[in-house]
Amino acid sequence: MWVSADNLYRYPKSVFTSGGAPDIKLKPSTIASYVLGAIAFDNAGNLWVAVDTGDSTGTGDTLLMFAPASQKDGPSLQIARLSVRISFTRLMAWPLTPRPQGYR
């Protein structure tokens, strides 16, 4: 797979916030410990990443959607929408799609 948690380290100014719990923030320096390994693209080219919010419920996985954002220093990731309480098993069943334009 061409995308991994390590790719998120390239965005040190970004802060990832889980939906429904604004007090839980995942910084790129620690997000690797939260990423569950389910990473996929939808037909619109948006990047979806599953993270564990650590609420110990077993169903508290958070699904983050990132949209491509053009900047002077190249492609970046920007939070576009957040959804919570997504089944990790269901997410893992999603097919991976080819890398869209705008992502490296």
PDB file of N, CA and C in Angstrom:
ATOM      1  N   MET A   1       0.853  -1.182   0.000  1.00  0.00           N
ATOM      2  CA  MET A   1       0.000   0.000   0.000  1.00  0.00           C
ATOM      3  C   MET A   1       0.894   1.239   0.000  1.00  0.00           C
ATOM      4  N   TRP A   2       0.590   2.200  -0.830  1.00  0.00           N
ATOM      5  CA  TRP A   2       1.469   3.355  -0.965  1.00  0.00           C
ATOM      6  C   TRP A   2       1.299   4.362   0.158  1.00  0.00           C
ATOM      7  N   VAL A   3       0.183   4.329   0.873  1.00  0.00           N
ATOM      8  CA  VAL A   3      -0.061   5.259   1.980  1.00  0.00           C
ATOM      9  C   VAL A   3       0.154   4.537   3.298  1.00  0.00           C
ATOM     10  N   SER A   4       0.806   5.194   4.231  1.00  0.00           N
ATOM     11  CA  SER A   4       0.980   4.630   5.566  1.00  0.00           C
ATOM     12  C   SER A   4       0.912   5.755   6.582  1.00  0.00           C
ATOM     13  N   ALA A   5       0.886   5.398   7.848  1.00  0.00           N
ATOM     14  CA  ALA A   5       0.840   6.408   8.903  1.00  0.00           C
ATOM     15  C   ALA A   5       2.041   7.340   8.814  1.00  0.00           C
ATOM     16  N   ASP A   6       3.171   6.820   8.351  1.00  0.00           N
ATOM     17  CA  ASP A   6       4.378   7.635   8.271  1.00  0.00           C
ATOM     18  C   ASP A   6       4.207   8.820   7.331  1.00  0.00           C
ATOM     19  N   ASN A   7       3.343   8.687   6.320  1.00  0.00           N
ATOM     20  CA  ASN A   7       3.124   9.788   5.392  1.00  0.00           C
ATOM     21  C   ASN A   7       2.544  11.015   6.084  1.00  0.00           C
ATOM     22  N   LEU A   8       1.831  10.802   7.180  1.00  0.00           N
ATOM     23  CA  LEU A   8       1.191  11.919   7.865  1.00  0.00           C
ATOM     24  C   LEU A   8       2.199  12.778   8.614  1.00  0.00           C
ATOM     25  N   TYR A   9       3.404  12.282   8.806  1.00  0.00           N
ATOM     26  CA  TYR A   9       4.429  13.069   9.487  1.00  0.00           C
ATOM     27  C   TYR A   9       4.870  14.262   8.646  1.00  0.00           C
ATOM     28  N   ARG A  10       4.557  14.269   7.371  1.00  0.00           N
ATOM     29  CA  ARG A  10       4.987  15.358   6.499  1.00  0.00           C
ATOM     30  C   ARG A  10       4.173  16.628   6.713  1.00  0.00           C
ATOM     31  N   TYR A  11       3.186  16.582   7.597  1.00  0.00           N
ATOM     32  CA  TYR A  11       2.312  17.733   7.791  1.00  0.00           C
ATOM     33  C   TYR A  11       2.368  18.180   9.246  1.00  0.00           C
ATOM     34  N   PRO A  12       3.507  18.759   9.689  1.00  0.00           N
ATOM     35  CA  PRO A  12       3.695  19.078  11.108  1.00  0.00           C
ATOM     36  C   PRO A  12       2.765  20.159  11.636  1.00  0.00           C
ATOM     37  N   LYS A  13       2.203  20.997  10.768  1.00  0.00           N
ATOM     38  CA  LYS A  13       1.333  22.072  11.238  1.00  0.00           C
ATOM     39  C   LYS A  13      -0.124  21.625  11.351  1.00  0.00           C
ATOM     40  N   SER A  14      -0.414  20.411  10.915  1.00  0.00           N
ATOM     41  CA  SER A  14      -1.789  19.917  10.956  1.00  0.00           C
ATOM     42  C   SER A  14      -2.122  19.345  12.323  1.00  0.00           C
ATOM     43  N   VAL A  15      -3.368  19.493  12.725  1.00  0.00           N
ATOM     44  CA  VAL A  15      -3.865  18.872  13.948  1.00  0.00           C
ATOM     45  C   VAL A  15      -5.127  18.113  13.579  1.00  0.00           C
ATOM     46  N   PHE A  16      -5.197  16.863  13.976  1.00  0.00           N
ATOM     47  CA  PHE A  16      -6.320  16.012  13.625  1.00  0.00           C
ATOM     48  C   PHE A  16      -7.255  15.910  14.818  1.00  0.00           C
ATOM     49  N   THR A  17      -8.512  16.286  14.653  1.00  0.00           N
ATOM     50  CA  THR A  17      -9.481  16.281  15.735  1.00  0.00           C
ATOM     51  C   THR A  17     -10.577  15.280  15.417  1.00  0.00           C
ATOM     52  N   SER A  18     -10.926  14.454  16.378  1.00  0.00           N
ATOM     53  CA  SER A  18     -11.967  13.449  16.160  1.00  0.00           C
ATOM     54  C   SER A  18     -13.343  14.087  16.260  1.00  0.00           C
ATOM     55  N   GLY A  19     -14.263  13.658  15.406  1.00  0.00           N
ATOM     56  CA  GLY A  19     -15.608  14.197  15.410  1.00  0.00           C
ATOM     57  C   GLY A  19     -16.359  13.849  16.675  1.00  0.00           C
ATOM     58  N   GLY A  20     -17.137  14.790  17.170  1.00  0.00           N
ATOM     59  CA  GLY A  20     -17.941  14.542  18.356  1.00  0.00           C
ATOM     60  C   GLY A  20     -17.174  14.674  19.652  1.00  0.00           C
ATOM     61  N   ALA A  21     -15.873  14.847  19.570  1.00  0.00           N
ATOM     62  CA  ALA A  21     -15.055  14.993  20.776  1.00  0.00           C
ATOM     63  C   ALA A  21     -13.921  15.969  20.490  1.00  0.00           C
ATOM     64  N   PRO A  22     -14.245  17.263  20.440  1.00  0.00           N
ATOM     65  CA  PRO A  22     -13.241  18.270  20.072  1.00  0.00           C
ATOM     66  C   PRO A  22     -12.028  18.295  20.987  1.00  0.00           C
ATOM     67  N   ASP A  23     -12.154  17.723  22.192  1.00  0.00           N
ATOM     68  CA  ASP A  23     -11.028  17.752  23.122  1.00  0.00           C
ATOM     69  C   ASP A  23      -9.988  16.686  22.804  1.00  0.00           C
ATOM     70  N   ILE A  24     -10.317  15.760  21.932  1.00  0.00           N
ATOM     71  CA  ILE A  24      -9.371  14.707  21.557  1.00  0.00           C
ATOM     72  C   ILE A  24      -8.667  15.133  20.277  1.00  0.00           C
ATOM     73  N   LYS A  25      -7.391  15.450  20.384  1.00  0.00           N
ATOM     74  CA  LYS A  25      -6.636  15.890  19.216  1.00  0.00           C
ATOM     75  C   LYS A  25      -5.457  14.962  18.987  1.00  0.00           C
ATOM     76  N   LEU A  26      -5.299  14.540  17.757  1.00  0.00           N
ATOM     77  CA  LEU A  26      -4.217  13.635  17.396  1.00  0.00           C
ATOM     78  C   LEU A  26      -3.188  14.407  16.581  1.00  0.00           C
ATOM     79  N   LYS A  27      -2.023  14.621  17.138  1.00  0.00           N
ATOM     80  CA  LYS A  27      -0.973  15.338  16.426  1.00  0.00           C
ATOM     81  C   LYS A  27      -0.197  14.367  15.537  1.00  0.00           C
ATOM     82  N   PRO A  28       0.361  14.866  14.430  1.00  0.00           N
ATOM     83  CA  PRO A  28       1.097  13.977  13.532  1.00  0.00           C
ATOM     84  C   PRO A  28       2.217  13.206  14.216  1.00  0.00           C
ATOM     85  N   SER A  29       2.793  13.761  15.279  1.00  0.00           N
ATOM     86  CA  SER A  29       3.899  13.078  15.951  1.00  0.00           C
ATOM     87  C   SER A  29       3.450  11.821  16.674  1.00  0.00           C
ATOM     88  N   THR A  30       2.149  11.708  16.957  1.00  0.00           N
ATOM     89  CA  THR A  30       1.657  10.533  17.671  1.00  0.00           C
ATOM     90  C   THR A  30       0.555   9.801  16.927  1.00  0.00           C
ATOM     91  N   ILE A  31       0.167  10.292  15.757  1.00  0.00           N
ATOM     92  CA  ILE A  31      -0.984   9.704  15.077  1.00  0.00           C
ATOM     93  C   ILE A  31      -0.709   8.273  14.620  1.00  0.00           C
ATOM     94  N   ALA A  32       0.560   7.923  14.445  1.00  0.00           N
ATOM     95  CA  ALA A  32       0.878   6.566  13.997  1.00  0.00           C
ATOM     96  C   ALA A  32       0.371   5.520  14.975  1.00  0.00           C
ATOM     97  N   SER A  33       0.296   5.876  16.243  1.00  0.00           N
ATOM     98  CA  SER A  33      -0.184   4.919  17.235  1.00  0.00           C
ATOM     99  C   SER A  33      -1.701   4.807  17.220  1.00  0.00           C
ATOM    100  N   TYR A  34      -2.373   5.718  16.526  1.00  0.00           N
ATOM    101  CA  TYR A  34      -3.831   5.700  16.471  1.00  0.00           C
ATOM    102  C   TYR A  34      -4.364   5.116  15.172  1.00  0.00           C
ATOM    103  N   VAL A  35      -3.597   5.213  14.090  1.00  0.00           N
ATOM    104  CA  VAL A  35      -4.072   4.722  12.801  1.00  0.00           C
ATOM    105  C   VAL A  35      -4.230   3.208  12.860  1.00  0.00           C
ATOM    106  N   LEU A  36      -5.390   2.724  12.448  1.00  0.00           N
ATOM    107  CA  LEU A  36      -5.689   1.298  12.539  1.00  0.00           C
ATOM    108  C   LEU A  36      -5.284   0.524  11.293  1.00  0.00           C
ATOM    109  N   GLY A  37      -4.770   1.211  10.304  1.00  0.00           N
ATOM    110  CA  GLY A  37      -4.317   0.526   9.109  1.00  0.00           C
ATOM    111  C   GLY A  37      -5.327   0.516   7.983  1.00  0.00           C
ATOM    112  N   ALA A  38      -6.530   1.028   8.222  1.00  0.00           N
ATOM    113  CA  ALA A  38      -7.544   1.073   7.173  1.00  0.00           C
ATOM    114  C   ALA A  38      -7.481   2.428   6.489  1.00  0.00           C
ATOM    115  N   ILE A  39      -6.927   2.450   5.298  1.00  0.00           N
ATOM    116  CA  ILE A  39      -6.786   3.684   4.542  1.00  0.00           C
ATOM    117  C   ILE A  39      -7.315   3.429   3.137  1.00  0.00           C
ATOM    118  N   ALA A  40      -8.214   4.282   2.666  1.00  0.00           N
ATOM    119  CA  ALA A  40      -8.816   4.065   1.350  1.00  0.00           C
ATOM    120  C   ALA A  40      -9.208   5.397   0.731  1.00  0.00           C
ATOM    121  N   PHE A  41      -9.461   5.364  -0.568  1.00  0.00           N
ATOM    122  CA  PHE A  41      -9.935   6.537  -1.286  1.00  0.00           C
ATOM    123  C   PHE A  41     -11.348   6.279  -1.795  1.00  0.00           C
ATOM    124  N   ASP A  42     -12.178   7.326  -1.785  1.00  0.00           N
ATOM    125  CA  ASP A  42     -13.492   7.191  -2.403  1.00  0.00           C
ATOM    126  C   ASP A  42     -13.401   7.668  -3.856  1.00  0.00           C
ATOM    127  N   ASN A  43     -14.525   7.631  -4.568  1.00  0.00           N
ATOM    128  CA  ASN A  43     -14.512   7.986  -5.984  1.00  0.00           C
ATOM    129  C   ASN A  43     -14.187   9.449  -6.233  1.00  0.00           C
ATOM    130  N   ALA A  44     -14.352  10.300  -5.212  1.00  0.00           N
ATOM    131  CA  ALA A  44     -14.065  11.723  -5.359  1.00  0.00           C
ATOM    132  C   ALA A  44     -12.598  12.039  -5.076  1.00  0.00           C
ATOM    133  N   GLY A  45     -11.817  11.013  -4.738  1.00  0.00           N
ATOM    134  CA  GLY A  45     -10.409  11.236  -4.463  1.00  0.00           C
ATOM    135  C   GLY A  45     -10.112  11.658  -3.042  1.00  0.00           C
ATOM    136  N   ASN A  46     -11.080  11.504  -2.145  1.00  0.00           N
ATOM    137  CA  ASN A  46     -10.870  11.846  -0.748  1.00  0.00           C
ATOM    138  C   ASN A  46     -10.192  10.693  -0.020  1.00  0.00           C
ATOM    139  N   LEU A  47      -9.300  11.024   0.887  1.00  0.00           N
ATOM    140  CA  LEU A  47      -8.579  10.021   1.661  1.00  0.00           C
ATOM    141  C   LEU A  47      -9.306   9.768   2.975  1.00  0.00           C
ATOM    142  N   TRP A  48      -9.609   8.498   3.251  1.00  0.00           N
ATOM    143  CA  TRP A  48     -10.276   8.108   4.496  1.00  0.00           C
ATOM    144  C   TRP A  48      -9.294   7.333   5.362  1.00  0.00           C
ATOM    145  N   VAL A  49      -9.178   7.726   6.618  1.00  0.00           N
ATOM    146  CA  VAL A  49      -8.259   7.072   7.546  1.00  0.00           C
ATOM    147  C   VAL A  49      -9.017   6.697   8.810  1.00  0.00           C
ATOM    148  N   ALA A  50      -8.891   5.450   9.223  1.00  0.00           N
ATOM    149  CA  ALA A  50      -9.532   5.009  10.461  1.00  0.00           C
ATOM    150  C   ALA A  50      -8.561   5.190  11.619  1.00  0.00           C
ATOM    151  N   VAL A  51      -9.017   5.810  12.696  1.00  0.00           N
ATOM    152  CA  VAL A  51      -8.194   5.962  13.892  1.00  0.00           C
ATOM    153  C   VAL A  51      -8.973   5.472  15.101  1.00  0.00           C
ATOM    154  N   ASP A  52      -8.255   5.097  16.130  1.00  0.00           N
ATOM    155  CA  ASP A  52      -8.868   4.632  17.368  1.00  0.00           C
ATOM    156  C   ASP A  52      -8.849   5.773  18.370  1.00  0.00           C
ATOM    157  N   THR A  53     -10.014   6.193  18.831  1.00  0.00           N
ATOM    158  CA  THR A  53     -10.091   7.309  19.771  1.00  0.00           C
ATOM    159  C   THR A  53      -9.748   6.890  21.184  1.00  0.00           C
ATOM    160  N   GLY A  54      -9.603   5.608  21.424  1.00  0.00           N
ATOM    161  CA  GLY A  54      -9.189   5.134  22.732  1.00  0.00           C
ATOM    162  C   GLY A  54     -10.257   5.194  23.798  1.00  0.00           C
ATOM    163  N   ASP A  55     -11.532   5.086  23.392  1.00  0.00           N
ATOM    164  CA  ASP A  55     -12.603   5.163  24.391  1.00  0.00           C
ATOM    165  C   ASP A  55     -12.958   3.795  24.970  1.00  0.00           C
ATOM    166  N   SER A  56     -12.260   2.756  24.529  1.00  0.00           N
ATOM    167  CA  SER A  56     -12.398   1.406  25.100  1.00  0.00           C
ATOM    168  C   SER A  56     -13.781   0.785  24.933  1.00  0.00           C
ATOM    169  N   THR A  57     -14.572   1.275  23.985  1.00  0.00           N
ATOM    170  CA  THR A  57     -15.900   0.704  23.784  1.00  0.00           C
ATOM    171  C   THR A  57     -15.885  -0.403  22.739  1.00  0.00           C
ATOM    172  N   GLY A  58     -14.855  -0.441  21.938  1.00  0.00           N
ATOM    173  CA  GLY A  58     -14.793  -1.436  20.882  1.00  0.00           C
ATOM    174  C   GLY A  58     -15.489  -0.991  19.613  1.00  0.00           C
ATOM    175  N   THR A  59     -16.296   0.072  19.707  1.00  0.00           N
ATOM    176  CA  THR A  59     -16.971   0.605  18.519  1.00  0.00           C
ATOM    177  C   THR A  59     -16.654   2.080  18.345  1.00  0.00           C
ATOM    178  N   GLY A  60     -15.640   2.553  19.023  1.00  0.00           N
ATOM    179  CA  GLY A  60     -15.334   3.977  19.005  1.00  0.00           C
ATOM    180  C   GLY A  60     -14.349   4.398  17.948  1.00  0.00           C
ATOM    181  N   ASP A  61     -14.238   3.623  16.884  1.00  0.00           N
ATOM    182  CA  ASP A  61     -13.331   4.022  15.812  1.00  0.00           C
ATOM    183  C   ASP A  61     -13.846   5.291  15.150  1.00  0.00           C
ATOM    184  N   THR A  62     -12.952   6.158  14.808  1.00  0.00           N
ATOM    185  CA  THR A  62     -13.304   7.405  14.149  1.00  0.00           C
ATOM    186  C   THR A  62     -12.788   7.369  12.720  1.00  0.00           C
ATOM    187  N   LEU A  63     -13.616   7.791  11.800  1.00  0.00           N
ATOM    188  CA  LEU A  63     -13.236   7.813  10.393  1.00  0.00           C
ATOM    189  C   LEU A  63     -12.967   9.255   9.984  1.00  0.00           C
ATOM    190  N   LEU A  64     -11.745   9.551   9.579  1.00  0.00           N
ATOM    191  CA  LEU A  64     -11.384  10.894   9.158  1.00  0.00           C
ATOM    192  C   LEU A  64     -11.343  10.954   7.643  1.00  0.00           C
ATOM    193  N   MET A  65     -11.921  12.002   7.070  1.00  0.00           N
ATOM    194  CA  MET A  65     -11.852  12.184   5.627  1.00  0.00           C
ATOM    195  C   MET A  65     -11.003  13.403   5.321  1.00  0.00           C
ATOM    196  N   PHE A  66      -9.989  13.229   4.480  1.00  0.00           N
ATOM    197  CA  PHE A  66      -9.125  14.319   4.075  1.00  0.00           C
ATOM    198  C   PHE A  66      -9.322  14.592   2.590  1.00  0.00           C
ATOM    199  N   ALA A  67      -9.362  15.865   2.226  1.00  0.00           N
ATOM    200  CA  ALA A  67      -9.487  16.247   0.822  1.00  0.00           C
ATOM    201  C   ALA A  67      -8.167  16.863   0.371  1.00  0.00           C
ATOM    202  N   PRO A  68      -7.801  16.683  -0.900  1.00  0.00           N
ATOM    203  CA  PRO A  68      -6.553  17.278  -1.377  1.00  0.00           C
ATOM    204  C   PRO A  68      -6.616  18.797  -1.338  1.00  0.00           C
ATOM    205  N   ALA A  69      -5.524  19.423  -0.916  1.00  0.00           N
ATOM    206  CA  ALA A  69      -5.467  20.884  -0.855  1.00  0.00           C
ATOM    207  C   ALA A  69      -4.171  21.343  -1.507  1.00  0.00           C
ATOM    208  N   SER A  70      -4.286  22.219  -2.480  1.00  0.00           N
ATOM    209  CA  SER A  70      -3.097  22.703  -3.178  1.00  0.00           C
ATOM    210  C   SER A  70      -2.471  23.852  -2.399  1.00  0.00           C
ATOM    211  N   GLN A  71      -1.178  23.763  -2.183  1.00  0.00           N
ATOM    212  CA  GLN A  71      -0.430  24.816  -1.507  1.00  0.00           C
ATOM    213  C   GLN A  71       0.851  25.068  -2.280  1.00  0.00           C
ATOM    214  N   LYS A  72       1.517  26.178  -1.951  1.00  0.00           N
ATOM    215  CA  LYS A  72       2.742  26.523  -2.663  1.00  0.00           C
ATOM    216  C   LYS A  72       3.806  25.436  -2.525  1.00  0.00           C
ATOM    217  N   ASP A  73       3.827  24.788  -1.363  1.00  0.00           N
ATOM    218  CA  ASP A  73       4.856  23.777  -1.125  1.00  0.00           C
ATOM    219  C   ASP A  73       4.404  22.383  -1.541  1.00  0.00           C
ATOM    220  N   GLY A  74       3.345  22.285  -2.308  1.00  0.00           N
ATOM    221  CA  GLY A  74       2.917  20.990  -2.815  1.00  0.00           C
ATOM    222  C   GLY A  74       1.635  20.496  -2.184  1.00  0.00           C
ATOM    223  N   PRO A  75       1.227  19.276  -2.524  1.00  0.00           N
ATOM    224  CA  PRO A  75      -0.021  18.714  -2.011  1.00  0.00           C
ATOM    225  C   PRO A  75      -0.010  18.598  -0.492  1.00  0.00           C
ATOM    226  N   SER A  76      -1.176  18.724   0.090  1.00  0.00           N
ATOM    227  CA  SER A  76      -1.304  18.626   1.535  1.00  0.00           C
ATOM    228  C   SER A  76      -2.583  17.880   1.847  1.00  0.00           C
ATOM    229  N   LEU A  77      -2.825  17.639   3.116  1.00  0.00           N
ATOM    230  CA  LEU A  77      -4.068  17.011   3.548  1.00  0.00           C
ATOM    231  C   LEU A  77      -4.824  17.982   4.430  1.00  0.00           C
ATOM    232  N   GLN A  78      -6.102  18.043   4.235  1.00  0.00           N
ATOM    233  CA  GLN A  78      -6.926  18.985   4.974  1.00  0.00           C
ATOM    234  C   GLN A  78      -8.214  18.284   5.382  1.00  0.00           C
ATOM    235  N   ILE A  79      -8.604  18.441   6.641  1.00  0.00           N
ATOM    236  CA  ILE A  79      -9.826  17.792   7.112  1.00  0.00           C
ATOM    237  C   ILE A  79     -11.032  18.410   6.424  1.00  0.00           C
ATOM    238  N   ALA A  80     -11.856  17.576   5.821  1.00  0.00           N
ATOM    239  CA  ALA A  80     -13.048  18.054   5.135  1.00  0.00           C
ATOM    240  C   ALA A  80     -14.314  17.671   5.887  1.00  0.00           C
ATOM    241  N   ARG A  81     -14.327  16.481   6.469  1.00  0.00           N
ATOM    242  CA  ARG A  81     -15.532  16.026   7.165  1.00  0.00           C
ATOM    243  C   ARG A  81     -15.140  14.907   8.125  1.00  0.00           C
ATOM    244  N   LEU A  82     -15.850  14.800   9.224  1.00  0.00           N
ATOM    245  CA  LEU A  82     -15.565  13.759  10.208  1.00  0.00           C
ATOM    246  C   LEU A  82     -16.821  12.945  10.477  1.00  0.00           C
ATOM    247  N   SER A  83     -16.673  11.659  10.600  1.00  0.00           N
ATOM    248  CA  SER A  83     -17.781  10.784  10.982  1.00  0.00           C
ATOM    249  C   SER A  83     -17.310   9.877  12.100  1.00  0.00           C
ATOM    250  N   VAL A  84     -18.180   9.592  13.043  1.00  0.00           N
ATOM    251  CA  VAL A  84     -17.789   8.752  14.175  1.00  0.00           C
ATOM    252  C   VAL A  84     -18.622   7.483  14.214  1.00  0.00           C
ATOM    253  N   ARG A  85     -18.196   6.553  15.048  1.00  0.00           N
ATOM    254  CA  ARG A  85     -18.902   5.289  15.253  1.00  0.00           C
ATOM    255  C   ARG A  85     -19.022   4.483  13.970  1.00  0.00           C
ATOM    256  N   ILE A  86     -17.944   4.393  13.244  1.00  0.00           N
ATOM    257  CA  ILE A  86     -17.906   3.579  12.033  1.00  0.00           C
ATOM    258  C   ILE A  86     -17.305   2.220  12.385  1.00  0.00           C
ATOM    259  N   SER A  87     -17.920   1.174  11.933  1.00  0.00           N
ATOM    260  CA  SER A  87     -17.430  -0.171  12.223  1.00  0.00           C
ATOM    261  C   SER A  87     -16.086  -0.400  11.540  1.00  0.00           C
ATOM    262  N   PHE A  88     -15.079  -0.778  12.323  1.00  0.00           N
ATOM    263  CA  PHE A  88     -13.762  -1.026  11.747  1.00  0.00           C
ATOM    264  C   PHE A  88     -13.809  -2.205  10.784  1.00  0.00           C
ATOM    265  N   THR A  89     -14.596  -3.223  11.108  1.00  0.00           N
ATOM    266  CA  THR A  89     -14.717  -4.389  10.230  1.00  0.00           C
ATOM    267  C   THR A  89     -15.295  -3.985   8.882  1.00  0.00           C
ATOM    268  N   ARG A  90     -16.313  -3.135   8.911  1.00  0.00           N
ATOM    269  CA  ARG A  90     -16.921  -2.683   7.662  1.00  0.00           C
ATOM    270  C   ARG A  90     -15.937  -1.843   6.857  1.00  0.00           C
ATOM    271  N   LEU A  91     -15.172  -1.008   7.554  1.00  0.00           N
ATOM    272  CA  LEU A  91     -14.212  -0.163   6.864  1.00  0.00           C
ATOM    273  C   LEU A  91     -13.142  -0.991   6.169  1.00  0.00           C
ATOM    274  N   MET A  92     -12.692  -2.043   6.824  1.00  0.00           N
ATOM    275  CA  MET A  92     -11.660  -2.881   6.239  1.00  0.00           C
ATOM    276  C   MET A  92     -12.153  -3.584   4.975  1.00  0.00           C
ATOM    277  N   ALA A  93     -13.467  -3.697   4.828  1.00  0.00           N
ATOM    278  CA  ALA A  93     -14.028  -4.359   3.654  1.00  0.00           C
ATOM    279  C   ALA A  93     -14.080  -3.428   2.440  1.00  0.00           C
ATOM    280  N   TRP A  94     -13.862  -2.131   2.663  1.00  0.00           N
ATOM    281  CA  TRP A  94     -13.890  -1.196   1.547  1.00  0.00           C
ATOM    282  C   TRP A  94     -12.733  -1.485   0.600  1.00  0.00           C
ATOM    283  N   PRO A  95     -12.976  -1.435  -0.705  1.00  0.00           N
ATOM    284  CA  PRO A  95     -11.876  -1.666  -1.642  1.00  0.00           C
ATOM    285  C   PRO A  95     -10.955  -0.453  -1.714  1.00  0.00           C
ATOM    286  N   LEU A  96      -9.681  -0.708  -1.877  1.00  0.00           N
ATOM    287  CA  LEU A  96      -8.734   0.381  -2.077  1.00  0.00           C
ATOM    288  C   LEU A  96      -8.779   0.793  -3.535  1.00  0.00           C
ATOM    289  N   THR A  97      -8.715   2.078  -3.789  1.00  0.00           N
ATOM    290  CA  THR A  97      -8.757   2.586  -5.154  1.00  0.00           C
ATOM    291  C   THR A  97      -7.387   3.151  -5.514  1.00  0.00           C
ATOM    292  N   PRO A  98      -7.117   3.310  -6.799  1.00  0.00           N
ATOM    293  CA  PRO A  98      -5.816   3.849  -7.203  1.00  0.00           C
ATOM    294  C   PRO A  98      -5.587   5.251  -6.644  1.00  0.00           C
ATOM    295  N   ARG A  99      -4.335   5.604  -6.517  1.00  0.00           N
ATOM    296  CA  ARG A  99      -3.973   6.926  -6.002  1.00  0.00           C
ATOM    297  C   ARG A  99      -4.497   8.015  -6.930  1.00  0.00           C
ATOM    298  N   PRO A 100      -5.281   8.974  -6.415  1.00  0.00           N
ATOM    299  CA  PRO A 100      -5.807  10.052  -7.254  1.00  0.00           C
ATOM    300  C   PRO A 100      -4.770  11.149  -7.462  1.00  0.00           C
ATOM    301  N   GLN A 101      -5.036  12.041  -8.385  1.00  0.00           N
ATOM    302  CA  GLN A 101      -4.156  13.184  -8.606  1.00  0.00           C
ATOM    303  C   GLN A 101      -4.130  14.047  -7.352  1.00  0.00           C
ATOM    304  N   GLY A 102      -2.986  14.609  -7.047  1.00  0.00           N
ATOM    305  CA  GLY A 102      -2.886  15.502  -5.896  1.00  0.00           C
ATOM    306  C   GLY A 102      -2.260  14.855  -4.682  1.00  0.00           C
ATOM    307  N   TYR A 103      -2.124  13.519  -4.696  1.00  0.00           N
ATOM    308  CA  TYR A 103      -1.490  12.826  -3.576  1.00  0.00           C
ATOM    309  C   TYR A 103      -0.195  12.190  -4.059  1.00  0.00           C
ATOM    310  N   ARG A 104       0.798  12.149  -3.170  1.00  0.00           N
ATOM    311  CA  ARG A 104       2.072  11.520  -3.514  1.00  0.00           C
ATOM    312  C   ARG A 104       2.268  10.282  -2.696  1.00  0.00           C
TER     313      ARG A 104
END
